C-alpha atoms as a PDB file:
ATOM      1  CA  MET A   1      45.049  11.384 -12.317  1.00  0.00           C
ATOM      2  CA  ALA A   2      42.865  13.791 -14.106  1.00  0.00           C
ATOM      3  CA  GLU A   3      40.764  16.127 -11.913  1.00  0.00           C
ATOM      4  CA  ASN A   4      37.009  16.023 -12.217  1.00  0.00           C
ATOM      5  CA  PRO A   5      35.726  19.054 -14.086  1.00  0.00           C
ATOM      6  CA  PRO A   6      34.104  21.628 -11.817  1.00  0.00           C
ATOM      7  CA  GLN A   7      30.278  21.454 -11.796  1.00  0.00           C
ATOM      8  CA  ASP A   8      28.291  24.309 -13.189  1.00  0.00           C
ATOM      9  CA  PRO A   9      25.954  25.656 -10.401  1.00  0.00           C
ATOM     10  CA  GLY A  10      23.870  27.142 -13.124  1.00  0.00           C
ATOM     11  CA  ALA A  11      23.430  23.807 -14.762  1.00  0.00           C
ATOM     12  CA  ARG A  12      22.101  22.354 -11.460  1.00  0.00           C
ATOM     13  CA  SER A  13      19.777  25.200 -11.139  1.00  0.00           C
ATOM     14  CA  ARG A  14      18.424  24.761 -14.689  1.00  0.00           C
ATOM     15  CA  ARG A  15      17.902  21.037 -14.079  1.00  0.00           C
ATOM     16  CA  SER A  16      16.004  21.749 -10.925  1.00  0.00           C
ATOM     17  CA  ARG A  17      13.675  24.330 -12.409  1.00  0.00           C
ATOM     18  CA  PRO A  18      11.036  21.860 -13.626  1.00  0.00           C
ATOM     19  CA  LEU A  19      10.982  20.293 -10.200  1.00  0.00           C
ATOM     20  CA  HIS A  20      10.381  23.699  -8.546  1.00  0.00           C
ATOM     21  CA  VAL A  21       7.673  24.461 -11.080  1.00  0.00           C
ATOM     22  CA  ALA A  22       5.985  21.091 -10.599  1.00  0.00           C
ATOM     23  CA  ASP A  23       5.924  21.759  -6.852  1.00  0.00           C
ATOM     24  CA  ALA A  24       4.519  25.299  -7.506  1.00  0.00           C
ATOM     25  CA  ILE A  25       1.747  23.868  -9.671  1.00  0.00           C
ATOM     26  CA  LYS A  26       0.882  21.276  -6.971  1.00  0.00           C
ATOM     27  CA  ASP A  27       0.721  24.119  -4.352  1.00  0.00           C
ATOM     28  CA  TRP A  28      -1.449  26.220  -6.663  1.00  0.00           C
ATOM     29  CA  VAL A  29      -3.854  23.251  -7.183  1.00  0.00           C
ATOM     30  CA  VAL A  30      -4.127  22.817  -3.408  1.00  0.00           C
ATOM     31  CA  GLU A  31      -4.625  26.581  -2.775  1.00  0.00           C
ATOM     32  CA  ARG A  32      -7.399  26.727  -5.381  1.00  0.00           C
ATOM     33  CA  GLY A  33      -9.121  23.650  -3.874  1.00  0.00           C
ATOM     34  CA  LEU A  34      -9.073  21.840  -7.252  1.00  0.00           C
ATOM     35  CA  GLN A  35     -10.268  18.199  -7.268  1.00  0.00           C
ATOM     36  CA  PRO A  36      -9.581  15.235  -9.466  1.00  0.00           C
ATOM     37  CA  GLY A  37     -11.091  15.920 -12.926  1.00  0.00           C
ATOM     38  CA  ASP A  38     -10.850  19.710 -12.717  1.00  0.00           C
ATOM     39  CA  ARG A  39      -9.249  21.281 -15.705  1.00  0.00           C
ATOM     40  CA  LEU A  40      -5.820  22.990 -15.394  1.00  0.00           C
ATOM     41  CA  PRO A  41      -4.907  26.221 -17.196  1.00  0.00           C
ATOM     42  CA  GLY A  42      -3.493  25.916 -20.698  1.00  0.00           C
ATOM     43  CA  GLU A  43       0.213  26.114 -21.395  1.00  0.00           C
ATOM     44  CA  ALA A  44       0.239  29.789 -22.299  1.00  0.00           C
ATOM     45  CA  GLU A  45      -1.416  30.667 -18.989  1.00  0.00           C
ATOM     46  CA  LEU A  46       0.975  28.495 -17.052  1.00  0.00           C
ATOM     47  CA  ILE A  47       3.948  30.197 -18.737  1.00  0.00           C
ATOM     48  CA  ASP A  48       2.582  33.542 -17.802  1.00  0.00           C
ATOM     49  CA  ARG A  49       1.566  32.530 -14.204  1.00  0.00           C
ATOM     50  CA  PHE A  50       4.888  30.922 -13.226  1.00  0.00           C
ATOM     51  CA  GLY A  51       7.118  33.055 -15.383  1.00  0.00           C
ATOM     52  CA  MET A  52       8.960  30.142 -16.960  1.00  0.00           C
ATOM     53  CA  ALA A  53       9.912  29.122 -20.508  1.00  0.00           C
ATOM     54  CA  LYS A  54       7.766  26.738 -22.484  1.00  0.00           C
ATOM     55  CA  GLY A  55      10.317  23.909 -22.144  1.00  0.00           C
ATOM     56  CA  THR A  56      10.390  24.176 -18.390  1.00  0.00           C
ATOM     57  CA  ILE A  57       6.596  24.176 -18.090  1.00  0.00           C
ATOM     58  CA  ARG A  58       6.334  21.143 -20.359  1.00  0.00           C
ATOM     59  CA  GLU A  59       8.924  19.210 -18.369  1.00  0.00           C
ATOM     60  CA  ALA A  60       7.152  20.121 -15.080  1.00  0.00           C
ATOM     61  CA  MET A  61       3.856  18.863 -16.503  1.00  0.00           C
ATOM     62  CA  ARG A  62       5.596  15.612 -17.610  1.00  0.00           C
ATOM     63  CA  LEU A  63       6.857  15.112 -14.107  1.00  0.00           C
ATOM     64  CA  LEU A  64       3.456  15.570 -12.666  1.00  0.00           C
ATOM     65  CA  GLN A  65       1.884  13.242 -15.314  1.00  0.00           C
ATOM     66  CA  ALA A  66       4.444  10.550 -14.464  1.00  0.00           C
ATOM     67  CA  GLN A  67       3.445  10.909 -10.795  1.00  0.00           C
ATOM     68  CA  GLY A  68      -0.240  10.503 -11.655  1.00  0.00           C
ATOM     69  CA  LEU A  69      -1.048  13.987 -10.364  1.00  0.00           C
ATOM     70  CA  ILE A  70      -2.276  15.250 -13.704  1.00  0.00           C
ATOM     71  CA  GLU A  71      -3.927  13.627 -16.765  1.00  0.00           C
ATOM     72  CA  THR A  72      -3.666  14.877 -20.247  1.00  0.00           C
ATOM     73  CA  LYS A  73      -6.441  14.222 -22.806  1.00  0.00           C
ATOM     74  CA  THR A  74      -6.335  14.895 -26.520  1.00  0.00           C
ATOM     75  CA  GLY A  75      -9.009  15.840 -29.065  1.00  0.00           C
ATOM     76  CA  PRO A  76     -12.131  17.935 -28.462  1.00  0.00           C
ATOM     77  CA  GLY A  77     -12.378  18.952 -24.815  1.00  0.00           C
ATOM     78  CA  GLY A  78      -8.921  17.814 -24.288  1.00  0.00           C
ATOM     79  CA  GLY A  79      -6.280  19.439 -22.057  1.00  0.00           C
ATOM     80  CA  SER A  80      -4.604  18.891 -18.739  1.00  0.00           C
ATOM     81  CA  PHE A  81      -6.690  17.840 -15.697  1.00  0.00           C
ATOM     82  CA  VAL A  82      -6.067  17.175 -12.043  1.00  0.00           C
ATOM     83  CA  GLY A  83      -5.385  13.422 -11.655  1.00  0.00           C
ATOM     84  CA  GLU A  84      -6.118  11.082  -8.781  1.00  0.00           C
ATOM     85  CA  VAL A  85      -3.342   8.801  -7.456  1.00  0.00           C
ATOM     86  CA  THR A  86      -4.988   5.543  -6.577  1.00  0.00           C
ATOM     87  CA  ARG A  87      -3.914   3.414  -3.633  1.00  0.00           C
ATOM     88  CA  GLU A  88      -2.667   0.749  -6.096  1.00  0.00           C
ATOM     89  CA  ARG A  89      -0.389   3.289  -7.892  1.00  0.00           C
ATOM     90  CA  ALA A  90       0.866   4.725  -4.618  1.00  0.00           C
ATOM     91  CA  SER A  91       1.622   1.208  -3.275  1.00  0.00           C
ATOM     92  CA  ALA A  92       3.497   0.363  -6.491  1.00  0.00           C
ATOM     93  CA  LEU A  93       5.589   3.532  -6.263  1.00  0.00           C
ATOM     94  CA  LEU A  94       6.437   2.844  -2.653  1.00  0.00           C
ATOM     95  CA  GLY A  95       7.160  -0.760  -3.468  1.00  0.00           C
ATOM     96  CA  ASN A  96       9.734   0.502  -5.979  1.00  0.00           C
ATOM     97  CA  TYR A  97      11.441   2.384  -3.208  1.00  0.00           C
ATOM     98  CA  PHE A  98      11.922  -0.859  -1.166  1.00  0.00           C
ATOM     99  CA  TYR A  99      12.787  -2.963  -4.212  1.00  0.00           C
ATOM    100  CA  PHE A 100      16.642  -2.828  -3.639  1.00  0.00           C
ATOM    101  CA  ARG A 101      16.372  -2.563   0.163  1.00  0.00           C
ATOM    102  CA  HIS A 102      16.609  -5.615   2.393  1.00  0.00           C
ATOM    103  CA  VAL A 103      13.229  -5.837   4.130  1.00  0.00           C
ATOM    104  CA  THR A 104      12.779  -8.886   6.363  1.00  0.00           C
ATOM    105  CA  ILE A 105       9.685 -10.706   7.526  1.00  0.00           C
ATOM    106  CA  ASP A 106      10.387  -9.436  11.028  1.00  0.00           C
ATOM    107  CA  ASP A 107      10.590  -5.826   9.719  1.00  0.00           C
ATOM    108  CA  ILE A 108       7.179  -6.148   8.160  1.00  0.00           C
ATOM    109  CA  TYR A 109       5.607  -7.695  11.294  1.00  0.00           C
ATOM    110  CA  GLN A 110       7.189  -5.042  13.588  1.00  0.00           C
ATOM    111  CA  VAL A 111       5.028  -2.603  11.612  1.00  0.00           C
ATOM    112  CA  ARG A 112       1.975  -4.849  11.528  1.00  0.00           C
ATOM    113  CA  ILE A 113       2.160  -5.635  15.327  1.00  0.00           C
ATOM    114  CA  ALA A 114       2.375  -1.931  16.082  1.00  0.00           C
ATOM    115  CA  LEU A 115      -0.475  -0.771  13.742  1.00  0.00           C
ATOM    116  CA  GLU A 116      -3.085  -3.512  13.323  1.00  0.00           C
ATOM    117  CA  PRO A 117      -4.072  -3.873  16.956  1.00  0.00           C
ATOM    118  CA  LEU A 118      -4.493  -0.137  17.102  1.00  0.00           C
ATOM    119  CA  LEU A 119      -6.777  -0.252  14.055  1.00  0.00           C
ATOM    120  CA  ALA A 120      -8.810  -3.197  15.478  1.00  0.00           C
ATOM    121  CA  GLY A 121      -9.343  -1.375  18.753  1.00  0.00           C
ATOM    122  CA  SER A 122     -10.404   1.818  17.050  1.00  0.00           C
ATOM    123  CA  LEU A 123     -13.050  -0.066  14.938  1.00  0.00           C
ATOM    124  CA  ALA A 124     -14.696  -1.963  17.736  1.00  0.00           C
ATOM    125  CA  GLY A 125     -18.412  -1.179  17.796  1.00  0.00           C
ATOM    126  CA  ARG A 126     -18.128   1.053  14.783  1.00  0.00           C
ATOM    127  CA  LEU A 127     -18.570  -1.353  11.873  1.00  0.00           C
ATOM    128  CA  SER A 128     -21.922  -1.864  10.192  1.00  0.00           C
ATOM    129  CA  ASP A 129     -23.503  -5.283   9.735  1.00  0.00           C
ATOM    130  CA  ALA A 130     -22.662  -4.966   6.039  1.00  0.00           C
ATOM    131  CA  GLN A 131     -18.925  -4.324   6.698  1.00  0.00           C
ATOM    132  CA  LEU A 132     -18.754  -7.188   9.255  1.00  0.00           C
ATOM    133  CA  GLY A 133     -20.606  -9.371   6.702  1.00  0.00           C
ATOM    134  CA  GLU A 134     -18.038  -8.544   4.104  1.00  0.00           C
ATOM    135  CA  LEU A 135     -15.246  -9.666   6.382  1.00  0.00           C
ATOM    136  CA  GLU A 136     -17.048 -12.947   7.075  1.00  0.00           C
ATOM    137  CA  ALA A 137     -17.594 -13.470   3.366  1.00  0.00           C
ATOM    138  CA  ILE A 138     -13.760 -13.138   2.739  1.00  0.00           C
ATOM    139  CA  MET A 139     -13.322 -15.827   5.423  1.00  0.00           C
ATOM    140  CA  GLU A 140     -15.441 -18.255   3.374  1.00  0.00           C
ATOM    141  CA  ALA A 141     -12.423 -18.653   1.135  1.00  0.00           C
ATOM    142  CA  TYR A 142     -10.728 -20.564   3.929  1.00  0.00           C
ATOM    143  CA  ALA A 143     -13.701 -22.030   5.704  1.00  0.00           C
ATOM    144  CA  GLU A 144     -12.112 -25.490   5.322  1.00  0.00           C
ATOM    145  CA  PRO A 145      -8.453 -26.486   5.703  1.00  0.00           C
ATOM    146  CA  ALA A 146      -6.375 -26.562   2.445  1.00  0.00           C
ATOM    147  CA  ALA A 147      -5.989 -29.861   0.659  1.00  0.00           C
ATOM    148  CA  ASP A 148      -2.659 -29.006  -1.018  1.00  0.00           C
ATOM    149  CA  ALA A 149       0.104 -26.386  -1.188  1.00  0.00           C
ATOM    150  CA  GLU A 150      -1.543 -24.325  -3.921  1.00  0.00           C
ATOM    151  CA  GLU A 151      -4.841 -24.047  -1.958  1.00  0.00           C
ATOM    152  CA  GLU A 152      -2.800 -23.173   1.140  1.00  0.00           C
ATOM    153  CA  ARG A 153      -1.206 -20.201  -0.717  1.00  0.00           C
ATOM    154  CA  ARG A 154      -4.605 -19.036  -2.076  1.00  0.00           C
ATOM    155  CA  GLN A 155      -6.094 -19.274   1.400  1.00  0.00           C
ATOM    156  CA  HIS A 156      -3.203 -17.154   2.840  1.00  0.00           C
ATOM    157  CA  VAL A 157      -3.739 -14.501   0.176  1.00  0.00           C
ATOM    158  CA  ALA A 158      -7.441 -14.419   1.059  1.00  0.00           C
ATOM    159  CA  SER A 159      -6.580 -14.059   4.687  1.00  0.00           C
ATOM    160  CA  LEU A 160      -4.312 -11.012   3.908  1.00  0.00           C
ATOM    161  CA  ARG A 161      -7.217  -9.562   1.882  1.00  0.00           C
ATOM    162  CA  PHE A 162      -9.263  -9.767   5.177  1.00  0.00           C
ATOM    163  CA  HIS A 163      -6.727  -7.466   6.787  1.00  0.00           C
ATOM    164  CA  ALA A 164      -6.471  -5.103   3.897  1.00  0.00           C
ATOM    165  CA  ARG A 165     -10.239  -4.751   3.752  1.00  0.00           C
ATOM    166  CA  LEU A 166     -10.445  -4.134   7.420  1.00  0.00           C
ATOM    167  CA  SER A 167      -7.960  -1.293   7.008  1.00  0.00           C
ATOM    168  CA  ASP A 168     -10.354   0.238   4.375  1.00  0.00           C
ATOM    169  CA  PHE A 169     -12.980   0.670   7.069  1.00  0.00           C
ATOM    170  CA  GLY A 170     -10.892   2.873   9.351  1.00  0.00           C
ATOM    171  CA  GLY A 171     -11.239   6.615   9.252  1.00  0.00           C
ATOM    172  CA  ASN A 172      -7.473   7.223   9.229  1.00  0.00           C
ATOM    173  CA  ALA A 173      -6.354   7.149   5.549  1.00  0.00           C
ATOM    174  CA  LEU A 174      -2.695   7.020   6.483  1.00  0.00           C
ATOM    175  CA  LEU A 175      -3.076   4.146   8.861  1.00  0.00           C
ATOM    176  CA  GLY A 176      -5.200   2.269   6.387  1.00  0.00           C
ATOM    177  CA  PHE A 177      -2.715   2.821   3.610  1.00  0.00           C
ATOM    178  CA  PHE A 178       0.262   1.387   5.475  1.00  0.00           C
ATOM    179  CA  ILE A 179      -1.627  -1.613   6.746  1.00  0.00           C
ATOM    180  CA  GLY A 180      -2.876  -2.354   3.204  1.00  0.00           C
ATOM    181  CA  PHE A 181       0.686  -1.847   1.890  1.00  0.00           C
ATOM    182  CA  MET A 182       2.048  -4.464   4.338  1.00  0.00           C
ATOM    183  CA  ALA A 183      -0.630  -6.904   3.285  1.00  0.00           C
ATOM    184  CA  GLN A 184       0.272  -6.346  -0.399  1.00  0.00           C
ATOM    185  CA  ILE A 185       4.042  -7.031   0.356  1.00  0.00           C
ATOM    186  CA  LEU A 186       3.199 -10.260   2.090  1.00  0.00           C
ATOM    187  CA  THR A 187       0.875 -11.281  -0.681  1.00  0.00           C
ATOM    188  CA  ASP A 188       3.702 -10.796  -3.165  1.00  0.00           C
ATOM    189  CA  LEU A 189       6.140 -12.778  -0.961  1.00  0.00           C
ATOM    190  CA  THR A 190       3.597 -15.627  -0.632  1.00  0.00           C
ATOM    191  CA  VAL A 191       3.046 -15.886  -4.431  1.00  0.00           C
ATOM    192  CA  TYR A 192       6.524 -15.145  -5.746  1.00  0.00           C
ATOM    193  CA  LYS A 193       8.616 -16.954  -3.157  1.00  0.00           C
ATOM    194  CA  ARG A 194       6.079 -19.765  -2.796  1.00  0.00           C
ATOM    195  CA  LEU A 195       6.363 -19.713   0.963  1.00  0.00           C
ATOM    196  CA  TYR A 196       3.530 -22.177   1.574  1.00  0.00           C
ATOM    197  CA  THR A 197       4.535 -25.656   0.553  1.00  0.00           C
ATOM    198  CA  THR A 198       2.468 -27.992   2.778  1.00  0.00           C
ATOM    199  CA  PRO A 199      -0.916 -27.520   4.425  1.00  0.00           C
ATOM    200  CA  ASN A 200      -0.768 -26.905   8.171  1.00  0.00           C
ATOM    201  CA  HIS A 201      -4.208 -27.740   9.717  1.00  0.00           C
ATOM    202  CA  ASP A 202      -3.228 -26.548  13.194  1.00  0.00           C
ATOM    203  CA  LEU A 203      -2.131 -23.105  12.020  1.00  0.00           C
ATOM    204  CA  TRP A 204      -5.153 -22.744   9.755  1.00  0.00           C
ATOM    205  CA  GLU A 205      -7.428 -23.521  12.689  1.00  0.00           C
ATOM    206  CA  LYS A 206      -5.728 -21.045  15.037  1.00  0.00           C
ATOM    207  CA  GLY A 207      -5.587 -18.291  12.426  1.00  0.00           C
ATOM    208  CA  ARG A 208      -9.148 -18.588  11.478  1.00  0.00           C
ATOM    209  CA  GLN A 209     -10.237 -18.760  15.051  1.00  0.00           C
ATOM    210  CA  HIS A 210      -8.395 -15.539  15.656  1.00  0.00           C
ATOM    211  CA  GLN A 211     -10.442 -13.844  12.999  1.00  0.00           C
ATOM    212  CA  ILE A 212     -13.700 -15.270  14.238  1.00  0.00           C
ATOM    213  CA  ASP A 213     -12.849 -13.911  17.741  1.00  0.00           C
ATOM    214  CA  LEU A 214     -11.782 -10.566  16.252  1.00  0.00           C
ATOM    215  CA  ILE A 215     -15.181 -10.247  14.425  1.00  0.00           C
ATOM    216  CA  ALA A 216     -17.021 -11.043  17.689  1.00  0.00           C
ATOM    217  CA  ALA A 217     -15.029  -8.302  19.565  1.00  0.00           C
ATOM    218  CA  LEU A 218     -15.642  -5.863  16.748  1.00  0.00           C
ATOM    219  CA  ARG A 219     -19.380  -6.673  16.739  1.00  0.00           C
ATOM    220  CA  SER A 220     -19.724  -6.362  20.553  1.00  0.00           C
ATOM    221  CA  GLY A 221     -17.666  -3.139  20.778  1.00  0.00           C
ATOM    222  CA  ASP A 222     -14.962  -4.705  22.975  1.00  0.00           C
ATOM    223  CA  SER A 223     -11.959  -2.556  22.068  1.00  0.00           C
ATOM    224  CA  ALA A 224      -9.507  -4.178  24.453  1.00  0.00           C
ATOM    225  CA  ARG A 225     -10.417  -7.603  23.307  1.00  0.00           C
ATOM    226  CA  ALA A 226     -10.097  -6.603  19.636  1.00  0.00           C
ATOM    227  CA  LYS A 227      -6.576  -5.294  20.191  1.00  0.00           C
ATOM    228  CA  ALA A 228      -5.522  -8.360  22.141  1.00  0.00           C
ATOM    229  CA  VAL A 229      -6.874 -10.832  19.584  1.00  0.00           C
ATOM    230  CA  MET A 230      -5.186  -8.926  16.722  1.00  0.00           C
ATOM    231  CA  ARG A 231      -1.858  -8.748  18.444  1.00  0.00           C
ATOM    232  CA  SER A 232      -1.902 -12.487  19.116  1.00  0.00           C
ATOM    233  CA  HIS A 233      -2.892 -13.062  15.543  1.00  0.00           C
ATOM    234  CA  MET A 234      -0.014 -10.905  14.246  1.00  0.00           C
ATOM    235  CA  GLU A 235       2.536 -12.591  16.542  1.00  0.00           C
ATOM    236  CA  MET A 236       1.479 -16.036  15.345  1.00  0.00           C
ATOM    237  CA  ALA A 237       1.518 -14.946  11.702  1.00  0.00           C
ATOM    238  CA  ARG A 238       5.068 -13.507  12.146  1.00  0.00           C
ATOM    239  CA  ASP A 239       6.289 -16.836  13.596  1.00  0.00           C
ATOM    240  CA  LEU A 240       4.622 -18.744  10.807  1.00  0.00           C
ATOM    241  CA  MET A 241       6.027 -16.577   7.992  1.00  0.00           C
ATOM    242  CA  GLU A 242       9.589 -16.677   9.446  1.00  0.00           C
ATOM    243  CA  ALA A 243       9.397 -20.438   9.764  1.00  0.00           C
ATOM    244  CA  GLN A 244       8.146 -20.877   6.211  1.00  0.00           C
ATOM    245  CA  GLN A 245      10.921 -18.507   4.859  1.00  0.00           C
ATOM    246  CA  ALA A 246      13.555 -20.591   6.762  1.00  0.00           C
ATOM    247  CA  GLU A 247      12.110 -23.802   5.349  1.00  0.00           C
ATOM    248  CA  VAL A 248      12.153 -22.430   1.780  1.00  0.00           C
ATOM    249  CA  LEU A 249      15.774 -21.318   2.262  1.00  0.00           C
ATOM    250  CA  LYS A 250      16.873 -24.689   3.704  1.00  0.00           C
ATOM    251  CA  ARG A 251      15.210 -26.487   0.771  1.00  0.00           C
ATOM    252  CA  PHE A 252      16.888 -24.089  -1.717  1.00  0.00           C
ATOM    253  CA  ILE A 253      20.339 -24.819  -0.243  1.00  0.00           C
ATOM    254  CA  ALA A 254      19.780 -28.553  -0.195  1.00  0.00           C
ATOM    255  CA  GLU A 255      18.914 -28.475  -3.878  1.00  0.00           C
END
């Protein structure tokens, strides 16, 4: 059996140079306090500042552009500028990480049960009338029980939007991002796997009542009540999603 040729440590180093330069550029941007939209130095200045060849600088900039951290514009006034990674882009990149990993409904709800009651308790008494009104407006999408499976799915997606929007109101960007990310994963599961096949009036009524009770606790500033209601809501939602997933699997096997 032929031996594998020895790897060239220098080749590994050369391949990693653009990564190191990309990290150095990010550090420099942070140290300078640059904000999205601010212009970055031109290529010649970057070559001089970081002491790297033109090809290495260009590859580092391409890496940063692929990550959404810089934007390049052509024409008059063009150049490279600090970019802003949106929540949607960050969620898509993180979703790619989990694409080939087995993530179960229970995995998702372990995270939701841990985080969402915490968020709800922290927001009790802190939301404005406009914010509470926005949550109530979302609930209008499922003010009445669904008439068929398609409407059931639309209502569930709207209910998840309620939770994602609530996460936007928190002051903790990291907490809000992960709660919103979980809601997006469940939205995708609902749409792509078609988990909701028949309307369930009892579950609609209990789920909606949970959200009504949650808004009341948020409005009155009752943190303990907000936590308890959200936890109960999450536990019920987990049981529902697991049951729906099992039903879809059973039907698939039967077919």
